Amino acid sequence: MNEELAAEILNKLKSGDLTQYKVTKEEFMAFRKVLVNREDFKHFRGIARHNGEVIYHYMQEARS
C-alpha cells in the first residue's frame, strides 16, 4: 500500500463512502504512517483482529 492509496481510503471513510476498511498485517505500517499525520486522527477507530488485521471506522466524535 502506498501513501496515496491510504489517504484515499481514509478520505472515503471520513466521507461515508466506506463504512469500514480492513488493513492487513503487511499494509499496517504504511497505512498507519498516513493516519497518524492527519488532523482528524482521533476520529478513526481501529479494532484489532486475528492475524494482525485491523478494521478501521470513522467516528463523528473524536475519541479522547
C-alpha atoms as a PDB file:
ATOM      1  CA  MET A   1       0.000   0.000   0.000  1.00  0.00           C
ATOM      2  CA  ASN A   2       1.304   3.432  -0.885  1.00  0.00           C
ATOM      3  CA  GLU A   3       0.585   6.720   0.896  1.00  0.00           C
ATOM      4  CA  GLU A   4      -1.749   7.958  -1.843  1.00  0.00           C
ATOM      5  CA  LEU A   5      -3.974   4.876  -1.580  1.00  0.00           C
ATOM      6  CA  ALA A   6      -4.024   5.081   2.223  1.00  0.00           C
ATOM      7  CA  ALA A   7      -5.055   8.753   2.089  1.00  0.00           C
ATOM      8  CA  GLU A   8      -7.806   7.927  -0.420  1.00  0.00           C
ATOM      9  CA  ILE A   9      -9.170   5.168   1.823  1.00  0.00           C
ATOM     10  CA  LEU A  10      -9.118   7.426   4.888  1.00  0.00           C
ATOM     11  CA  ASN A  11     -10.945  10.161   2.976  1.00  0.00           C
ATOM     12  CA  LYS A  12     -13.597   7.647   1.868  1.00  0.00           C
ATOM     13  CA  LEU A  13     -14.078   6.522   5.468  1.00  0.00           C
ATOM     14  CA  LYS A  14     -14.481  10.141   6.549  1.00  0.00           C
ATOM     15  CA  SER A  15     -16.968  10.971   3.772  1.00  0.00           C
ATOM     16  CA  GLY A  16     -19.023   7.842   4.429  1.00  0.00           C
ATOM     17  CA  ASP A  17     -18.292   6.238   1.058  1.00  0.00           C
ATOM     18  CA  LEU A  18     -16.817   3.370   3.094  1.00  0.00           C
ATOM     19  CA  THR A  19     -18.203   2.292   6.469  1.00  0.00           C
ATOM     20  CA  GLN A  20     -15.130   0.252   7.361  1.00  0.00           C
ATOM     21  CA  TYR A  21     -11.822  -0.849   5.915  1.00  0.00           C
ATOM     22  CA  LYS A  22      -9.709  -3.895   6.753  1.00  0.00           C
ATOM     23  CA  VAL A  23      -5.945  -3.332   6.882  1.00  0.00           C
ATOM     24  CA  THR A  24      -3.754  -6.408   6.655  1.00  0.00           C
ATOM     25  CA  LYS A  25      -0.661  -7.000   8.727  1.00  0.00           C
ATOM     26  CA  GLU A  26       1.511  -6.269   5.690  1.00  0.00           C
ATOM     27  CA  GLU A  27      -0.247  -2.952   4.951  1.00  0.00           C
ATOM     28  CA  PHE A  28      -0.458  -1.749   8.548  1.00  0.00           C
ATOM     29  CA  MET A  29       2.740   0.310   8.894  1.00  0.00           C
ATOM     30  CA  ALA A  30       2.246   2.196   5.612  1.00  0.00           C
ATOM     31  CA  PHE A  31      -1.427   2.854   6.449  1.00  0.00           C
ATOM     32  CA  ARG A  32      -0.635   3.963  10.000  1.00  0.00           C
ATOM     33  CA  LYS A  33       2.050   6.379   8.787  1.00  0.00           C
ATOM     34  CA  VAL A  34      -0.583   8.311   6.811  1.00  0.00           C
ATOM     35  CA  LEU A  35      -3.243   8.000   9.513  1.00  0.00           C
ATOM     36  CA  VAL A  36      -1.236   9.471  12.410  1.00  0.00           C
ATOM     37  CA  ASN A  37      -0.293  12.540  10.365  1.00  0.00           C
ATOM     38  CA  ARG A  38      -3.925  13.554   9.780  1.00  0.00           C
ATOM     39  CA  GLU A  39      -5.586  16.346  11.763  1.00  0.00           C
ATOM     40  CA  ASP A  40      -8.644  14.133  12.304  1.00  0.00           C
ATOM     41  CA  PHE A  41      -6.553  11.177  13.533  1.00  0.00           C
ATOM     42  CA  LYS A  42      -8.628  10.779  16.704  1.00  0.00           C
ATOM     43  CA  HIS A  43     -11.815  10.304  14.700  1.00  0.00           C
ATOM     44  CA  PHE A  44     -10.574   6.964  13.387  1.00  0.00           C
ATOM     45  CA  ARG A  45     -11.044   3.818  15.419  1.00  0.00           C
ATOM     46  CA  GLY A  46      -9.108   0.652  14.737  1.00  0.00           C
ATOM     47  CA  ILE A  47     -10.223  -2.723  16.058  1.00  0.00           C
ATOM     48  CA  ALA A  48      -7.553  -5.423  16.065  1.00  0.00           C
ATOM     49  CA  ARG A  49      -8.461  -8.816  14.625  1.00  0.00           C
ATOM     50  CA  HIS A  50      -6.743 -12.156  14.174  1.00  0.00           C
ATOM     51  CA  ASN A  51      -3.520 -12.448  12.170  1.00  0.00           C
ATOM     52  CA  GLY A  52      -2.602  -8.778  12.622  1.00  0.00           C
ATOM     53  CA  GLU A  53      -5.596  -7.367  10.745  1.00  0.00           C
ATOM     54  CA  VAL A  54      -7.212  -4.111  11.879  1.00  0.00           C
ATOM     55  CA  ILE A  55     -10.703  -2.896  10.968  1.00  0.00           C
ATOM     56  CA  TYR A  56     -10.931   0.908  10.789  1.00  0.00           C
ATOM     57  CA  HIS A  57     -14.068   3.030  11.179  1.00  0.00           C
ATOM     58  CA  TYR A  58     -14.606   6.790  11.166  1.00  0.00           C
ATOM     59  CA  MET A  59     -16.410   8.281  14.174  1.00  0.00           C
ATOM     60  CA  GLN A  60     -18.155  11.672  14.130  1.00  0.00           C
ATOM     61  CA  GLU A  61     -16.852  12.487  17.616  1.00  0.00           C
ATOM     62  CA  ALA A  62     -13.138  12.305  18.347  1.00  0.00           C
ATOM     63  CA  ARG A  63     -12.003   9.792  20.914  1.00  0.00           C
ATOM     64  CA  SER A  64     -10.264  11.166  23.989  1.00  0.00           C
END
